[in-house]
């Protein structure tokens, strides 16, 4: 399973708490990239509710998007 802030954005607004099947339905309906759908498919088959993205990617709370997104303004400074 591979998560990035860009991928996580596709499920931030999912109807939490949700089951694996509900998340699959949500990701298919909202046009999520294949990697997001594959990440959900890789989850264990269980009826347990997933409370939020932190259950899927525990480090999510520690990630700041500024560390991962490329800043176009920085490139312009060097031109």
C-alpha atoms as a PDB file:
ATOM      1  CA  UNK A   1       0.000   0.000   0.000  1.00  0.00           C
ATOM      2  CA  UNK A   2       1.440   3.346  -1.040  1.00  0.00           C
ATOM      3  CA  UNK A   3      -0.011   6.697   0.081  1.00  0.00           C
ATOM      4  CA  UNK A   4       0.967  10.263  -0.694  1.00  0.00           C
ATOM      5  CA  UNK A   5      -0.803  13.495   0.274  1.00  0.00           C
ATOM      6  CA  UNK A   6      -2.013  13.798  -3.322  1.00  0.00           C
ATOM      7  CA  UNK A   7      -3.603  10.339  -3.190  1.00  0.00           C
ATOM      8  CA  UNK A   8      -5.016  10.870   0.296  1.00  0.00           C
ATOM      9  CA  UNK A   9      -6.945  13.934  -0.909  1.00  0.00           C
ATOM     10  CA  UNK A  10      -9.177  11.640  -2.943  1.00  0.00           C
ATOM     11  CA  UNK A  11     -10.557   9.998   0.200  1.00  0.00           C
ATOM     12  CA  UNK A  12     -10.423  12.845   2.734  1.00  0.00           C
ATOM     13  CA  UNK A  13     -14.128  13.533   2.182  1.00  0.00           C
ATOM     14  CA  UNK A  14     -15.188   9.884   2.168  1.00  0.00           C
ATOM     15  CA  UNK A  15     -18.222   9.037   4.310  1.00  0.00           C
ATOM     16  CA  UNK A  16     -16.254   8.101   7.436  1.00  0.00           C
ATOM     17  CA  UNK A  17     -16.596   5.714   9.192  1.00  0.00           C
ATOM     18  CA  UNK A  18     -16.814   3.325   6.267  1.00  0.00           C
ATOM     19  CA  UNK A  19     -16.314  -0.310   5.366  1.00  0.00           C
ATOM     20  CA  UNK A  20     -13.873  -1.441   2.717  1.00  0.00           C
ATOM     21  CA  UNK A  21     -16.766  -1.902   0.270  1.00  0.00           C
ATOM     22  CA  UNK A  22     -18.109   1.592   0.965  1.00  0.00           C
ATOM     23  CA  UNK A  23     -14.650   3.070   0.348  1.00  0.00           C
ATOM     24  CA  UNK A  24     -14.335   1.136  -2.915  1.00  0.00           C
ATOM     25  CA  UNK A  25     -17.705   2.436  -4.031  1.00  0.00           C
ATOM     26  CA  UNK A  26     -16.740   5.987  -3.055  1.00  0.00           C
ATOM     27  CA  UNK A  27     -13.371   5.890  -4.833  1.00  0.00           C
ATOM     28  CA  UNK A  28     -14.931   4.464  -7.985  1.00  0.00           C
ATOM     29  CA  UNK A  29     -17.665   7.129  -8.029  1.00  0.00           C
ATOM     30  CA  UNK A  30     -15.381  10.117  -7.415  1.00  0.00           C
ATOM     31  CA  UNK A  31     -12.866   9.245 -10.127  1.00  0.00           C
ATOM     32  CA  UNK A  32      -9.970   8.369  -7.848  1.00  0.00           C
ATOM     33  CA  UNK A  33      -6.702   7.313  -9.491  1.00  0.00           C
ATOM     34  CA  UNK A  34      -6.047   3.608  -9.861  1.00  0.00           C
ATOM     35  CA  UNK A  35      -3.433   3.694  -7.048  1.00  0.00           C
ATOM     36  CA  UNK A  36      -6.083   4.847  -4.543  1.00  0.00           C
ATOM     37  CA  UNK A  37      -8.461   2.081  -5.613  1.00  0.00           C
ATOM     38  CA  UNK A  38      -5.666  -0.506  -5.444  1.00  0.00           C
ATOM     39  CA  UNK A  39      -4.787   0.678  -1.930  1.00  0.00           C
ATOM     40  CA  UNK A  40      -8.369   0.073  -0.822  1.00  0.00           C
ATOM     41  CA  UNK A  41      -8.506  -3.316  -2.572  1.00  0.00           C
ATOM     42  CA  UNK A  42      -5.377  -4.387  -0.631  1.00  0.00           C
ATOM     43  CA  UNK A  43      -7.174  -3.937   2.700  1.00  0.00           C
ATOM     44  CA  UNK A  44      -8.166  -7.064   4.608  1.00  0.00           C
ATOM     45  CA  UNK A  45     -11.668  -8.309   3.845  1.00  0.00           C
ATOM     46  CA  UNK A  46     -13.587  -7.454   6.990  1.00  0.00           C
ATOM     47  CA  UNK A  47     -16.815  -5.755   7.967  1.00  0.00           C
ATOM     48  CA  UNK A  48     -15.012  -3.572  10.504  1.00  0.00           C
ATOM     49  CA  UNK A  49     -15.472   0.144  10.069  1.00  0.00           C
ATOM     50  CA  UNK A  50     -12.507   2.267   9.065  1.00  0.00           C
ATOM     51  CA  UNK A  51     -12.753   5.448  11.120  1.00  0.00           C
ATOM     52  CA  UNK A  52     -10.647   7.672   8.877  1.00  0.00           C
ATOM     53  CA  UNK A  53      -7.625   7.912   6.642  1.00  0.00           C
ATOM     54  CA  UNK A  54      -5.404   7.636   9.726  1.00  0.00           C
ATOM     55  CA  UNK A  55      -6.525   3.987   9.977  1.00  0.00           C
ATOM     56  CA  UNK A  56      -5.183   3.430   6.456  1.00  0.00           C
ATOM     57  CA  UNK A  57      -2.088   5.630   6.694  1.00  0.00           C
ATOM     58  CA  UNK A  58      -1.093   6.174  10.347  1.00  0.00           C
ATOM     59  CA  UNK A  59       1.531   8.787   9.440  1.00  0.00           C
ATOM     60  CA  UNK A  60      -1.090  10.954   7.713  1.00  0.00           C
ATOM     61  CA  UNK A  61      -1.455  13.289  10.708  1.00  0.00           C
ATOM     62  CA  UNK A  62       2.293  13.888  10.748  1.00  0.00           C
ATOM     63  CA  UNK A  63       2.518  14.763   7.070  1.00  0.00           C
ATOM     64  CA  UNK A  64       2.474  18.393   6.071  1.00  0.00           C
ATOM     65  CA  UNK A  65       1.549  18.899   2.455  1.00  0.00           C
ATOM     66  CA  UNK A  66       4.192  21.594   2.056  1.00  0.00           C
ATOM     67  CA  UNK A  67       6.896  18.956   2.406  1.00  0.00           C
ATOM     68  CA  UNK A  68       5.502  16.899  -0.451  1.00  0.00           C
ATOM     69  CA  UNK A  69       4.171  19.383  -2.973  1.00  0.00           C
ATOM     70  CA  UNK A  70       6.469  21.063  -5.434  1.00  0.00           C
ATOM     71  CA  UNK A  71       6.405  24.837  -5.145  1.00  0.00           C
ATOM     72  CA  UNK A  72       6.441  26.530  -8.560  1.00  0.00           C
ATOM     73  CA  UNK A  73       7.404  29.854  -6.956  1.00  0.00           C
ATOM     74  CA  UNK A  74      10.751  28.423  -5.871  1.00  0.00           C
ATOM     75  CA  UNK A  75      11.645  27.509  -9.458  1.00  0.00           C
ATOM     76  CA  UNK A  76      10.885  31.033 -10.694  1.00  0.00           C
ATOM     77  CA  UNK A  77      13.376  32.501  -8.219  1.00  0.00           C
ATOM     78  CA  UNK A  78      16.238  30.701  -9.972  1.00  0.00           C
ATOM     79  CA  UNK A  79      15.370  31.639 -13.530  1.00  0.00           C
END
